[in-house]
Amino acid sequence: MPLTGKSIRERRERRHRRVRKKVAGSPERPRLNVFRSSAHIYVQIIDDTVGRTLAAASSRDSGVANGTKTAEAKAVGQLIAERAKAIGITKVVFDRGGYIYHGRVKAVAEGARAGGLEF
């Protein structure tokens, strides 16, 4: 990919906008959004029809085991699945947030699936 003068963040946001054209959360299947910072990972379940966050989890929450970033991401996926099931959500649409489905993003998805979410 040729350098266009855009920052890594701007390119990721552009990819995310492109993905969001097709991926939208509804009351029946809310959107599971992932944000990855250099140190932590944040996950939200969002109903886009009203623009409301229904549940959230992050690697900063207590109860998330310390270890590698990938292990923490998997634990966050399981935590969000528990919180989703507590409010009656079992099916979601996965929004990778413009990131490649690899590493920590993939670990969140696997953890959420292991916790009982379907997508």
PDB file of N, CA and C in Angstrom:
ATOM      1  N   MET A   1       0.843  -1.174   0.000  1.00  0.00           N
ATOM      2  CA  MET A   1       0.000   0.000   0.000  1.00  0.00           C
ATOM      3  C   MET A   1       0.888   1.236   0.000  1.00  0.00           C
ATOM      4  N   PRO A   2       0.672   2.125  -0.930  1.00  0.00           N
ATOM      5  CA  PRO A   2       1.506   3.325  -0.975  1.00  0.00           C
ATOM      6  C   PRO A   2       1.178   4.256   0.186  1.00  0.00           C
ATOM      7  N   LEU A   3       2.180   4.967   0.633  1.00  0.00           N
ATOM      8  CA  LEU A   3       1.963   5.918   1.716  1.00  0.00           C
ATOM      9  C   LEU A   3       1.186   7.107   1.179  1.00  0.00           C
ATOM     10  N   THR A   4       0.112   7.445   1.852  1.00  0.00           N
ATOM     11  CA  THR A   4      -0.748   8.521   1.377  1.00  0.00           C
ATOM     12  C   THR A   4      -0.658   9.750   2.272  1.00  0.00           C
ATOM     13  N   GLY A   5       0.203   9.705   3.263  1.00  0.00           N
ATOM     14  CA  GLY A   5       0.297  10.815   4.187  1.00  0.00           C
ATOM     15  C   GLY A   5      -0.691  10.724   5.332  1.00  0.00           C
ATOM     16  N   LYS A   6      -1.500   9.674   5.338  1.00  0.00           N
ATOM     17  CA  LYS A   6      -2.472   9.506   6.412  1.00  0.00           C
ATOM     18  C   LYS A   6      -1.848   8.668   7.525  1.00  0.00           C
ATOM     19  N   SER A   7      -2.239   8.969   8.753  1.00  0.00           N
ATOM     20  CA  SER A   7      -1.710   8.237   9.888  1.00  0.00           C
ATOM     21  C   SER A   7      -2.346   6.847   9.948  1.00  0.00           C
ATOM     22  N   ILE A   8      -1.767   5.996  10.752  1.00  0.00           N
ATOM     23  CA  ILE A   8      -2.295   4.647  10.943  1.00  0.00           C
ATOM     24  C   ILE A   8      -3.717   4.735  11.488  1.00  0.00           C
ATOM     25  N   ARG A   9      -3.933   5.649  12.422  1.00  0.00           N
ATOM     26  CA  ARG A   9      -5.263   5.807  13.011  1.00  0.00           C
ATOM     27  C   ARG A   9      -6.283   6.239  11.953  1.00  0.00           C
ATOM     28  N   GLU A  10      -5.930   7.188  11.105  1.00  0.00           N
ATOM     29  CA  GLU A  10      -6.847   7.646  10.062  1.00  0.00           C
ATOM     30  C   GLU A  10      -7.197   6.518   9.097  1.00  0.00           C
ATOM     31  N   ARG A  11      -6.211   5.692   8.762  1.00  0.00           N
ATOM     32  CA  ARG A  11      -6.480   4.567   7.856  1.00  0.00           C
ATOM     33  C   ARG A  11      -7.396   3.546   8.511  1.00  0.00           C
ATOM     34  N   ARG A  12      -7.183   3.272   9.820  1.00  0.00           N
ATOM     35  CA  ARG A  12      -8.048   2.332  10.531  1.00  0.00           C
ATOM     36  C   ARG A  12      -9.464   2.876  10.607  1.00  0.00           C
ATOM     37  N   GLU A  13      -9.623   4.168  10.902  1.00  0.00           N
ATOM     38  CA  GLU A  13     -10.953   4.760  10.979  1.00  0.00           C
ATOM     39  C   GLU A  13     -11.662   4.693   9.627  1.00  0.00           C
ATOM     40  N   ARG A  14     -10.914   4.861   8.551  1.00  0.00           N
ATOM     41  CA  ARG A  14     -11.500   4.756   7.219  1.00  0.00           C
ATOM     42  C   ARG A  14     -11.991   3.331   6.944  1.00  0.00           C
ATOM     43  N   ARG A  15     -11.165   2.344   7.316  1.00  0.00           N
ATOM     44  CA  ARG A  15     -11.587   0.947   7.161  1.00  0.00           C
ATOM     45  C   ARG A  15     -12.825   0.671   8.013  1.00  0.00           C
ATOM     46  N   HIS A  16     -12.847   1.218   9.226  1.00  0.00           N
ATOM     47  CA  HIS A  16     -13.973   1.000  10.121  1.00  0.00           C
ATOM     48  C   HIS A  16     -15.258   1.587   9.537  1.00  0.00           C
ATOM     49  N   ARG A  17     -15.184   2.779   8.973  1.00  0.00           N
ATOM     50  CA  ARG A  17     -16.363   3.382   8.329  1.00  0.00           C
ATOM     51  C   ARG A  17     -16.855   2.501   7.186  1.00  0.00           C
ATOM     52  N   ARG A  18     -15.934   1.932   6.439  1.00  0.00           N
ATOM     53  CA  ARG A  18     -16.298   1.064   5.316  1.00  0.00           C
ATOM     54  C   ARG A  18     -17.026  -0.188   5.821  1.00  0.00           C
ATOM     55  N   VAL A  19     -16.540  -0.768   6.907  1.00  0.00           N
ATOM     56  CA  VAL A  19     -17.168  -1.962   7.486  1.00  0.00           C
ATOM     57  C   VAL A  19     -18.541  -1.608   8.054  1.00  0.00           C
ATOM     58  N   ARG A  20     -18.648  -0.427   8.684  1.00  0.00           N
ATOM     59  CA  ARG A  20     -19.894  -0.031   9.328  1.00  0.00           C
ATOM     60  C   ARG A  20     -21.026   0.250   8.340  1.00  0.00           C
ATOM     61  N   LYS A  21     -20.698   0.396   7.067  1.00  0.00           N
ATOM     62  CA  LYS A  21     -21.751   0.557   6.065  1.00  0.00           C
ATOM     63  C   LYS A  21     -22.609  -0.704   5.995  1.00  0.00           C
ATOM     64  N   LYS A  22     -22.009  -1.838   6.286  1.00  0.00           N
ATOM     65  CA  LYS A  22     -22.718  -3.115   6.195  1.00  0.00           C
ATOM     66  C   LYS A  22     -23.089  -3.692   7.560  1.00  0.00           C
ATOM     67  N   VAL A  23     -22.331  -3.383   8.592  1.00  0.00           N
ATOM     68  CA  VAL A  23     -22.538  -3.982   9.908  1.00  0.00           C
ATOM     69  C   VAL A  23     -23.270  -2.995  10.805  1.00  0.00           C
ATOM     70  N   ALA A  24     -24.483  -3.349  11.225  1.00  0.00           N
ATOM     71  CA  ALA A  24     -25.262  -2.497  12.128  1.00  0.00           C
ATOM     72  C   ALA A  24     -25.927  -3.364  13.179  1.00  0.00           C
ATOM     73  N   GLY A  25     -25.993  -2.849  14.394  1.00  0.00           N
ATOM     74  CA  GLY A  25     -26.616  -3.574  15.487  1.00  0.00           C
ATOM     75  C   GLY A  25     -28.100  -3.262  15.576  1.00  0.00           C
ATOM     76  N   SER A  26     -28.886  -4.259  15.876  1.00  0.00           N
ATOM     77  CA  SER A  26     -30.325  -4.101  16.046  1.00  0.00           C
ATOM     78  C   SER A  26     -30.684  -4.600  17.446  1.00  0.00           C
ATOM     79  N   PRO A  27     -31.911  -4.368  17.888  1.00  0.00           N
ATOM     80  CA  PRO A  27     -32.291  -4.901  19.211  1.00  0.00           C
ATOM     81  C   PRO A  27     -32.181  -6.432  19.282  1.00  0.00           C
ATOM     82  N   GLU A  28     -32.438  -7.121  18.151  1.00  0.00           N
ATOM     83  CA  GLU A  28     -32.356  -8.584  18.144  1.00  0.00           C
ATOM     84  C   GLU A  28     -30.895  -9.054  18.095  1.00  0.00           C
ATOM     85  N   ARG A  29     -30.073  -8.367  17.315  1.00  0.00           N
ATOM     86  CA  ARG A  29     -28.656  -8.718  17.166  1.00  0.00           C
ATOM     87  C   ARG A  29     -27.812  -7.456  17.302  1.00  0.00           C
ATOM     88  N   PRO A  30     -27.482  -7.067  18.531  1.00  0.00           N
ATOM     89  CA  PRO A  30     -26.663  -5.869  18.703  1.00  0.00           C
ATOM     90  C   PRO A  30     -25.238  -6.090  18.188  1.00  0.00           C
ATOM     91  N   ARG A  31     -24.529  -4.993  18.037  1.00  0.00           N
ATOM     92  CA  ARG A  31     -23.171  -5.030  17.476  1.00  0.00           C
ATOM     93  C   ARG A  31     -22.155  -5.181  18.595  1.00  0.00           C
ATOM     94  N   LEU A  32     -21.229  -6.127  18.432  1.00  0.00           N
ATOM     95  CA  LEU A  32     -20.117  -6.328  19.368  1.00  0.00           C
ATOM     96  C   LEU A  32     -18.914  -5.595  18.785  1.00  0.00           C
ATOM     97  N   ASN A  33     -18.598  -4.432  19.341  1.00  0.00           N
ATOM     98  CA  ASN A  33     -17.539  -3.578  18.822  1.00  0.00           C
ATOM     99  C   ASN A  33     -16.255  -3.770  19.621  1.00  0.00           C
ATOM    100  N   VAL A  34     -15.112  -3.782  18.919  1.00  0.00           N
ATOM    101  CA  VAL A  34     -13.807  -3.963  19.550  1.00  0.00           C
ATOM    102  C   VAL A  34     -12.954  -2.725  19.299  1.00  0.00           C
ATOM    103  N   PHE A  35     -12.305  -2.235  20.354  1.00  0.00           N
ATOM    104  CA  PHE A  35     -11.307  -1.181  20.211  1.00  0.00           C
ATOM    105  C   PHE A  35     -10.029  -1.675  20.866  1.00  0.00           C
ATOM    106  N   ARG A  36      -8.944  -1.568  20.145  1.00  0.00           N
ATOM    107  CA  ARG A  36      -7.659  -2.078  20.604  1.00  0.00           C
ATOM    108  C   ARG A  36      -6.699  -0.905  20.766  1.00  0.00           C
ATOM    109  N   SER A  37      -6.236  -0.669  21.987  1.00  0.00           N
ATOM    110  CA  SER A  37      -5.198   0.337  22.182  1.00  0.00           C
ATOM    111  C   SER A  37      -3.873  -0.406  22.321  1.00  0.00           C
ATOM    112  N   SER A  38      -2.809   0.324  22.524  1.00  0.00           N
ATOM    113  CA  SER A  38      -1.512  -0.343  22.627  1.00  0.00           C
ATOM    114  C   SER A  38      -1.401  -1.186  23.890  1.00  0.00           C
ATOM    115  N   ALA A  39      -2.112  -0.797  24.941  1.00  0.00           N
ATOM    116  CA  ALA A  39      -1.985  -1.514  26.213  1.00  0.00           C
ATOM    117  C   ALA A  39      -3.222  -2.323  26.584  1.00  0.00           C
ATOM    118  N   HIS A  40      -4.401  -1.908  26.133  1.00  0.00           N
ATOM    119  CA  HIS A  40      -5.640  -2.542  26.580  1.00  0.00           C
ATOM    120  C   HIS A  40      -6.558  -2.856  25.407  1.00  0.00           C
ATOM    121  N   ILE A  41      -7.635  -3.585  25.712  1.00  0.00           N
ATOM    122  CA  ILE A  41      -8.658  -3.887  24.710  1.00  0.00           C
ATOM    123  C   ILE A  41     -10.009  -3.600  25.342  1.00  0.00           C
ATOM    124  N   TYR A  42     -10.881  -2.966  24.574  1.00  0.00           N
ATOM    125  CA  TYR A  42     -12.192  -2.559  25.055  1.00  0.00           C
ATOM    126  C   TYR A  42     -13.252  -3.153  24.129  1.00  0.00           C
ATOM    127  N   VAL A  43     -14.358  -3.622  24.715  1.00  0.00           N
ATOM    128  CA  VAL A  43     -15.418  -4.252  23.947  1.00  0.00           C
ATOM    129  C   VAL A  43     -16.756  -3.677  24.417  1.00  0.00           C
ATOM    130  N   GLN A  44     -17.637  -3.385  23.456  1.00  0.00           N
ATOM    131  CA  GLN A  44     -18.966  -2.886  23.783  1.00  0.00           C
ATOM    132  C   GLN A  44     -20.009  -3.640  22.969  1.00  0.00           C
ATOM    133  N   ILE A  45     -21.178  -3.810  23.564  1.00  0.00           N
ATOM    134  CA  ILE A  45     -22.322  -4.325  22.824  1.00  0.00           C
ATOM    135  C   ILE A  45     -23.265  -3.147  22.640  1.00  0.00           C
ATOM    136  N   ILE A  46     -23.550  -2.811  21.372  1.00  0.00           N
ATOM    137  CA  ILE A  46     -24.250  -1.579  21.040  1.00  0.00           C
ATOM    138  C   ILE A  46     -25.511  -1.872  20.223  1.00  0.00           C
ATOM    139  N   ASP A  47     -26.616  -1.224  20.614  1.00  0.00           N
ATOM    140  CA  ASP A  47     -27.844  -1.240  19.822  1.00  0.00           C
ATOM    141  C   ASP A  47     -27.834   0.042  18.998  1.00  0.00           C
ATOM    142  N   ASP A  48     -27.591  -0.071  17.695  1.00  0.00           N
ATOM    143  CA  ASP A  48     -27.445   1.101  16.839  1.00  0.00           C
ATOM    144  C   ASP A  48     -28.766   1.800  16.520  1.00  0.00           C
ATOM    145  N   THR A  49     -29.894   1.132  16.731  1.00  0.00           N
ATOM    146  CA  THR A  49     -31.167   1.783  16.428  1.00  0.00           C
ATOM    147  C   THR A  49     -31.425   2.949  17.384  1.00  0.00           C
ATOM    148  N   VAL A  50     -30.975   2.827  18.631  1.00  0.00           N
ATOM    149  CA  VAL A  50     -31.131   3.913  19.599  1.00  0.00           C
ATOM    150  C   VAL A  50     -29.787   4.526  19.986  1.00  0.00           C
ATOM    151  N   GLY A  51     -28.686   3.940  19.501  1.00  0.00           N
ATOM    152  CA  GLY A  51     -27.359   4.458  19.800  1.00  0.00           C
ATOM    153  C   GLY A  51     -26.980   4.297  21.254  1.00  0.00           C
ATOM    154  N   ARG A  52     -27.286   3.137  21.814  1.00  0.00           N
ATOM    155  CA  ARG A  52     -27.054   2.907  23.231  1.00  0.00           C
ATOM    156  C   ARG A  52     -26.125   1.720  23.455  1.00  0.00           C
ATOM    157  N   THR A  53     -25.191   1.877  24.386  1.00  0.00           N
ATOM    158  CA  THR A  53     -24.322   0.778  24.787  1.00  0.00           C
ATOM    159  C   THR A  53     -25.070  -0.065  25.810  1.00  0.00           C
ATOM    160  N   LEU A  54     -25.204  -1.357  25.514  1.00  0.00           N
ATOM    161  CA  LEU A  54     -25.948  -2.258  26.391  1.00  0.00           C
ATOM    162  C   LEU A  54     -25.046  -2.922  27.419  1.00  0.00           C
ATOM    163  N   ALA A  55     -23.814  -3.214  27.032  1.00  0.00           N
ATOM    164  CA  ALA A  55     -22.853  -3.839  27.939  1.00  0.00           C
ATOM    165  C   ALA A  55     -21.450  -3.490  27.467  1.00  0.00           C
ATOM    166  N   ALA A  56     -20.511  -3.486  28.392  1.00  0.00           N
ATOM    167  CA  ALA A  56     -19.129  -3.164  28.043  1.00  0.00           C
ATOM    168  C   ALA A  56     -18.188  -3.950  28.944  1.00  0.00           C
ATOM    169  N   ALA A  57     -16.988  -4.180  28.440  1.00  0.00           N
ATOM    170  CA  ALA A  57     -15.938  -4.843  29.216  1.00  0.00           C
ATOM    171  C   ALA A  57     -14.599  -4.394  28.656  1.00  0.00           C
ATOM    172  N   SER A  58     -13.581  -4.457  29.488  1.00  0.00           N
ATOM    173  CA  SER A  58     -12.244  -4.109  29.017  1.00  0.00           C
ATOM    174  C   SER A  58     -11.200  -4.849  29.826  1.00  0.00           C
ATOM    175  N   SER A  59      -9.976  -4.791  29.355  1.00  0.00           N
ATOM    176  CA  SER A  59      -8.880  -5.443  30.068  1.00  0.00           C
ATOM    177  C   SER A  59      -8.522  -4.669  31.333  1.00  0.00           C
ATOM    178  N   ARG A  60      -9.109  -3.490  31.525  1.00  0.00           N
ATOM    179  CA  ARG A  60      -8.878  -2.710  32.735  1.00  0.00           C
ATOM    180  C   ARG A  60      -9.828  -3.104  33.855  1.00  0.00           C
ATOM    181  N   ASP A  61     -10.874  -3.877  33.546  1.00  0.00           N
ATOM    182  CA  ASP A  61     -11.835  -4.302  34.561  1.00  0.00           C
ATOM    183  C   ASP A  61     -11.171  -5.251  35.550  1.00  0.00           C
ATOM    184  N   SER A  62     -11.654  -5.203  36.793  1.00  0.00           N
ATOM    185  CA  SER A  62     -11.148  -6.164  37.770  1.00  0.00           C
ATOM    186  C   SER A  62     -11.709  -7.534  37.409  1.00  0.00           C
ATOM    187  N   GLY A  63     -10.967  -8.563  37.684  1.00  0.00           N
ATOM    188  CA  GLY A  63     -11.400  -9.910  37.350  1.00  0.00           C
ATOM    189  C   GLY A  63     -10.825 -10.419  36.042  1.00  0.00           C
ATOM    190  N   VAL A  64     -10.182  -9.539  35.286  1.00  0.00           N
ATOM    191  CA  VAL A  64      -9.518  -9.974  34.057  1.00  0.00           C
ATOM    192  C   VAL A  64      -8.103 -10.365  34.438  1.00  0.00           C
ATOM    193  N   ALA A  65      -7.750 -11.613  34.161  1.00  0.00           N
ATOM    194  CA  ALA A  65      -6.454 -12.139  34.573  1.00  0.00           C
ATOM    195  C   ALA A  65      -5.314 -11.406  33.877  1.00  0.00           C
ATOM    196  N   ASN A  66      -4.277 -11.112  34.628  1.00  0.00           N
ATOM    197  CA  ASN A  66      -3.088 -10.509  34.034  1.00  0.00           C
ATOM    198  C   ASN A  66      -2.281 -11.595  33.344  1.00  0.00           C
ATOM    199  N   GLY A  67      -1.701 -11.259  32.239  1.00  0.00           N
ATOM    200  CA  GLY A  67      -0.905 -12.202  31.464  1.00  0.00           C
ATOM    201  C   GLY A  67      -0.520 -11.537  30.172  1.00  0.00           C
ATOM    202  N   THR A  68      -0.462 -12.314  29.122  1.00  0.00           N
ATOM    203  CA  THR A  68      -0.169 -11.714  27.821  1.00  0.00           C
ATOM    204  C   THR A  68      -1.387 -10.925  27.360  1.00  0.00           C
ATOM    205  N   LYS A  69      -1.188 -10.018  26.424  1.00  0.00           N
ATOM    206  CA  LYS A  69      -2.291  -9.209  25.922  1.00  0.00           C
ATOM    207  C   LYS A  69      -3.345 -10.090  25.253  1.00  0.00           C
ATOM    208  N   THR A  70      -2.902 -11.147  24.583  1.00  0.00           N
ATOM    209  CA  THR A  70      -3.833 -12.048  23.910  1.00  0.00           C
ATOM    210  C   THR A  70      -4.679 -12.807  24.928  1.00  0.00           C
ATOM    211  N   ALA A  71      -4.058 -13.257  26.017  1.00  0.00           N
ATOM    212  CA  ALA A  71      -4.805 -13.957  27.061  1.00  0.00           C
ATOM    213  C   ALA A  71      -5.813 -13.022  27.722  1.00  0.00           C
ATOM    214  N   GLU A  72      -5.414 -11.776  27.935  1.00  0.00           N
ATOM    215  CA  GLU A  72      -6.334 -10.788  28.497  1.00  0.00           C
ATOM    216  C   GLU A  72      -7.506 -10.546  27.551  1.00  0.00           C
ATOM    217  N   ALA A  73      -7.225 -10.488  26.248  1.00  0.00           N
ATOM    218  CA  ALA A  73      -8.274 -10.255  25.259  1.00  0.00           C
ATOM    219  C   ALA A  73      -9.286 -11.393  25.276  1.00  0.00           C
ATOM    220  N   LYS A  74      -8.819 -12.626  25.398  1.00  0.00           N
ATOM    221  CA  LYS A  74      -9.729 -13.773  25.454  1.00  0.00           C
ATOM    222  C   LYS A  74     -10.594 -13.697  26.711  1.00  0.00           C
ATOM    223  N   ALA A  75      -9.989 -13.299  27.827  1.00  0.00           N
ATOM    224  CA  ALA A  75     -10.735 -13.153  29.078  1.00  0.00           C
ATOM    225  C   ALA A  75     -11.789 -12.049  28.958  1.00  0.00           C
ATOM    226  N   VAL A  76     -11.467 -10.969  28.255  1.00  0.00           N
ATOM    227  CA  VAL A  76     -12.421  -9.885  28.031  1.00  0.00           C
ATOM    228  C   VAL A  76     -13.584 -10.396  27.186  1.00  0.00           C
ATOM    229  N   GLY A  77     -13.302 -11.224  26.184  1.00  0.00           N
ATOM    230  CA  GLY A  77     -14.360 -11.819  25.367  1.00  0.00           C
ATOM    231  C   GLY A  77     -15.302 -12.663  26.204  1.00  0.00           C
ATOM    232  N   GLN A  78     -14.751 -13.445  27.119  1.00  0.00           N
ATOM    233  CA  GLN A  78     -15.596 -14.270  27.984  1.00  0.00           C
ATOM    234  C   GLN A  78     -16.401 -13.398  28.942  1.00  0.00           C
ATOM    235  N   LEU A  79     -15.787 -12.308  29.429  1.00  0.00           N
ATOM    236  CA  LEU A  79     -16.473 -11.399  30.342  1.00  0.00           C
ATOM    237  C   LEU A  79     -17.647 -10.700  29.653  1.00  0.00           C
ATOM    238  N   ILE A  80     -17.451 -10.259  28.427  1.00  0.00           N
ATOM    239  CA  ILE A  80     -18.547  -9.591  27.711  1.00  0.00           C
ATOM    240  C   ILE A  80     -19.670 -10.584  27.406  1.00  0.00           C
ATOM    241  N   ALA A  81     -19.310 -11.839  27.158  1.00  0.00           N
ATOM    242  CA  ALA A  81     -20.336 -12.862  26.923  1.00  0.00           C
ATOM    243  C   ALA A  81     -21.177 -13.079  28.181  1.00  0.00           C
ATOM    244  N   GLU A  82     -20.537 -13.110  29.340  1.00  0.00           N
ATOM    245  CA  GLU A  82     -21.272 -13.257  30.600  1.00  0.00           C
ATOM    246  C   GLU A  82     -22.224 -12.082  30.815  1.00  0.00           C
ATOM    247  N   ARG A  83     -21.713 -10.861  30.571  1.00  0.00           N
ATOM    248  CA  ARG A  83     -22.532  -9.664  30.781  1.00  0.00           C
ATOM    249  C   ARG A  83     -23.679  -9.602  29.784  1.00  0.00           C
ATOM    250  N   ALA A  84     -23.438 -10.065  28.562  1.00  0.00           N
ATOM    251  CA  ALA A  84     -24.493 -10.075  27.543  1.00  0.00           C
ATOM    252  C   ALA A  84     -25.581 -11.078  27.917  1.00  0.00           C
ATOM    253  N   LYS A  85     -25.178 -12.252  28.351  1.00  0.00           N
ATOM    254  CA  LYS A  85     -26.158 -13.269  28.722  1.00  0.00           C
ATOM    255  C   LYS A  85     -26.976 -12.824  29.926  1.00  0.00           C
ATOM    256  N   ALA A  86     -26.363 -12.036  30.812  1.00  0.00           N
ATOM    257  CA  ALA A  86     -27.071 -11.541  31.990  1.00  0.00           C
ATOM    258  C   ALA A  86     -28.211 -10.598  31.605  1.00  0.00           C
ATOM    259  N   ILE A  87     -28.087  -9.907  30.473  1.00  0.00           N
ATOM    260  CA  ILE A  87     -29.163  -9.014  30.034  1.00  0.00           C
ATOM    261  C   ILE A  87     -29.989  -9.626  28.903  1.00  0.00           C
ATOM    262  N   GLY A  88     -29.770 -10.912  28.639  1.00  0.00           N
ATOM    263  CA  GLY A  88     -30.609 -11.645  27.689  1.00  0.00           C
ATOM    264  C   GLY A  88     -30.171 -11.587  26.237  1.00  0.00           C
ATOM    265  N   ILE A  89     -28.910 -11.299  25.980  1.00  0.00           N
ATOM    266  CA  ILE A  89     -28.401 -11.253  24.606  1.00  0.00           C
ATOM    267  C   ILE A  89     -27.586 -12.512  24.338  1.00  0.00           C
ATOM    268  N   THR A  90     -27.936 -13.221  23.254  1.00  0.00           N
ATOM    269  CA  THR A  90     -27.171 -14.413  22.886  1.00  0.00           C
ATOM    270  C   THR A  90     -26.583 -14.310  21.486  1.00  0.00           C
ATOM    271  N   LYS A  91     -27.181 -13.461  20.629  1.00  0.00           N
ATOM    272  CA  LYS A  91     -26.691 -13.317  19.253  1.00  0.00           C
ATOM    273  C   LYS A  91     -26.239 -11.880  19.020  1.00  0.00           C
ATOM    274  N   VAL A  92     -25.077 -11.730  18.401  1.00  0.00           N
ATOM    275  CA  VAL A  92     -24.533 -10.407  18.094  1.00  0.00           C
ATOM    276  C   VAL A  92     -23.939 -10.413  16.693  1.00  0.00           C
ATOM    277  N   VAL A  93     -23.637  -9.213  16.179  1.00  0.00           N
ATOM    278  CA  VAL A  93     -22.859  -9.085  14.948  1.00  0.00           C
ATOM    279  C   VAL A  93     -21.494  -8.574  15.372  1.00  0.00           C
ATOM    280  N   PHE A  94     -20.440  -9.165  14.849  1.00  0.00           N
ATOM    281  CA  PHE A  94     -19.080  -8.812  15.254  1.00  0.00           C
ATOM    282  C   PHE A  94     -18.567  -7.664  14.400  1.00  0.00           C
ATOM    283  N   ASP A  95     -18.093  -6.616  15.071  1.00  0.00           N
ATOM    284  CA  ASP A  95     -17.516  -5.450  14.415  1.00  0.00           C
ATOM    285  C   ASP A  95     -16.061  -5.365  14.854  1.00  0.00           C
ATOM    286  N   ARG A  96     -15.161  -5.687  13.939  1.00  0.00           N
ATOM    287  CA  ARG A  96     -13.748  -5.739  14.289  1.00  0.00           C
ATOM    288  C   ARG A  96     -13.105  -4.370  14.379  1.00  0.00           C
ATOM    289  N   GLY A  97     -13.852  -3.325  14.086  1.00  0.00           N
ATOM    290  CA  GLY A  97     -13.382  -1.964  14.290  1.00  0.00           C
ATOM    291  C   GLY A  97     -12.294  -1.504  13.343  1.00  0.00           C
ATOM    292  N   GLY A  98     -12.210  -2.095  12.164  1.00  0.00           N
ATOM    293  CA  GLY A  98     -11.181  -1.699  11.208  1.00  0.00           C
ATOM    294  C   GLY A  98      -9.853  -2.403  11.422  1.00  0.00           C
ATOM    295  N   TYR A  99      -9.790  -3.276  12.420  1.00  0.00           N
ATOM    296  CA  TYR A  99      -8.568  -4.041  12.685  1.00  0.00           C
ATOM    297  C   TYR A  99      -8.609  -5.349  11.910  1.00  0.00           C
ATOM    298  N   ILE A 100      -7.446  -5.918  11.663  1.00  0.00           N
ATOM    299  CA  ILE A 100      -7.361  -7.224  11.035  1.00  0.00           C
ATOM    300  C   ILE A 100      -7.867  -8.278  12.020  1.00  0.00           C
ATOM    301  N   TYR A 101      -8.613  -9.259  11.543  1.00  0.00           N
ATOM    302  CA  TYR A 101      -9.106 -10.343  12.396  1.00  0.00           C
ATOM    303  C   TYR A 101      -7.943 -11.279  12.690  1.00  0.00           C
ATOM    304  N   HIS A 102      -7.141 -10.887  13.672  1.00  0.00           N
ATOM    305  CA  HIS A 102      -5.913 -11.601  13.975  1.00  0.00           C
ATOM    306  C   HIS A 102      -5.476 -11.186  15.373  1.00  0.00           C
ATOM    307  N   GLY A 103      -4.791 -12.052  16.071  1.00  0.00           N
ATOM    308  CA  GLY A 103      -4.214 -11.684  17.365  1.00  0.00           C
ATOM    309  C   GLY A 103      -5.262 -11.392  18.417  1.00  0.00           C
ATOM    310  N   ARG A 104      -5.185 -10.198  19.007  1.00  0.00           N
ATOM    311  CA  ARG A 104      -6.077  -9.844  20.113  1.00  0.00           C
ATOM    312  C   ARG A 104      -7.538  -9.731  19.683  1.00  0.00           C
ATOM    313  N   VAL A 105      -7.796  -9.247  18.479  1.00  0.00           N
ATOM    314  CA  VAL A 105      -9.173  -9.131  17.997  1.00  0.00           C
ATOM    315  C   VAL A 105      -9.776 -10.529  17.843  1.00  0.00           C
ATOM    316  N   LYS A 106      -9.003 -11.443  17.298  1.00  0.00           N
ATOM    317  CA  LYS A 106      -9.457 -12.828  17.142  1.00  0.00           C
ATOM    318  C   LYS A 106      -9.662 -13.478  18.513  1.00  0.00           C
ATOM    319  N   ALA A 107      -8.783 -13.166  19.478  1.00  0.00           N
ATOM    320  CA  ALA A 107      -8.899 -13.733  20.822  1.00  0.00           C
ATOM    321  C   ALA A 107     -10.183 -13.271  21.507  1.00  0.00           C
ATOM    322  N   VAL A 108     -10.568 -12.013  21.308  1.00  0.00           N
ATOM    323  CA  VAL A 108     -11.829 -11.517  21.862  1.00  0.00           C
ATOM    324  C   VAL A 108     -12.992 -12.310  21.275  1.00  0.00           C
ATOM    325  N   ALA A 109     -12.976 -12.502  19.959  1.00  0.00           N
ATOM    326  CA  ALA A 109     -14.051 -13.242  19.298  1.00  0.00           C
ATOM    327  C   ALA A 109     -14.128 -14.680  19.808  1.00  0.00           C
ATOM    328  N   GLU A 110     -12.990 -15.325  19.936  1.00  0.00           N
ATOM    329  CA  GLU A 110     -12.976 -16.704  20.423  1.00  0.00           C
ATOM    330  C   GLU A 110     -13.465 -16.787  21.863  1.00  0.00           C
ATOM    331  N   GLY A 111     -13.065 -15.830  22.699  1.00  0.00           N
ATOM    332  CA  GLY A 111     -13.519 -15.797  24.086  1.00  0.00           C
ATOM    333  C   GLY A 111     -15.017 -15.579  24.180  1.00  0.00           C
ATOM    334  N   ALA A 112     -15.551 -14.696  23.343  1.00  0.00           N
ATOM    335  CA  ALA A 112     -16.996 -14.429  23.348  1.00  0.00           C
ATOM    336  C   ALA A 112     -17.769 -15.663  22.891  1.00  0.00           C
ATOM    337  N   ARG A 113     -17.242 -16.346  21.874  1.00  0.00           N
ATOM    338  CA  ARG A 113     -17.903 -17.583  21.415  1.00  0.00           C
ATOM    339  C   ARG A 113     -17.856 -18.653  22.498  1.00  0.00           C
ATOM    340  N   ALA A 114     -16.707 -18.761  23.175  1.00  0.00           N
ATOM    341  CA  ALA A 114     -16.579 -19.748  24.252  1.00  0.00           C
ATOM    342  C   ALA A 114     -17.528 -19.416  25.397  1.00  0.00           C
ATOM    343  N   GLY A 115     -17.808 -18.128  25.586  1.00  0.00           N
ATOM    344  CA  GLY A 115     -18.717 -17.696  26.645  1.00  0.00           C
ATOM    345  C   GLY A 115     -20.186 -17.871  26.277  1.00  0.00           C
ATOM    346  N   GLY A 116     -20.487 -18.209  25.024  1.00  0.00           N
ATOM    347  CA  GLY A 116     -21.850 -18.505  24.627  1.00  0.00           C
ATOM    348  C   GLY A 116     -22.497 -17.544  23.664  1.00  0.00           C
ATOM    349  N   LEU A 117     -21.768 -16.528  23.193  1.00  0.00           N
ATOM    350  CA  LEU A 117     -22.347 -15.626  22.194  1.00  0.00           C
ATOM    351  C   LEU A 117     -22.274 -16.255  20.820  1.00  0.00           C
ATOM    352  N   GLU A 118     -23.281 -16.003  19.996  1.00  0.00           N
ATOM    353  CA  GLU A 118     -23.313 -16.532  18.639  1.00  0.00           C
ATOM    354  C   GLU A 118     -23.110 -15.405  17.648  1.00  0.00           C
ATOM    355  N   PHE A 119     -22.146 -15.587  16.719  1.00  0.00           N
ATOM    356  CA  PHE A 119     -21.951 -14.669  15.597  1.00  0.00           C
ATOM    357  C   PHE A 119     -21.127 -15.341  14.545  1.00  0.00           C
TER     358      PHE A 119
END
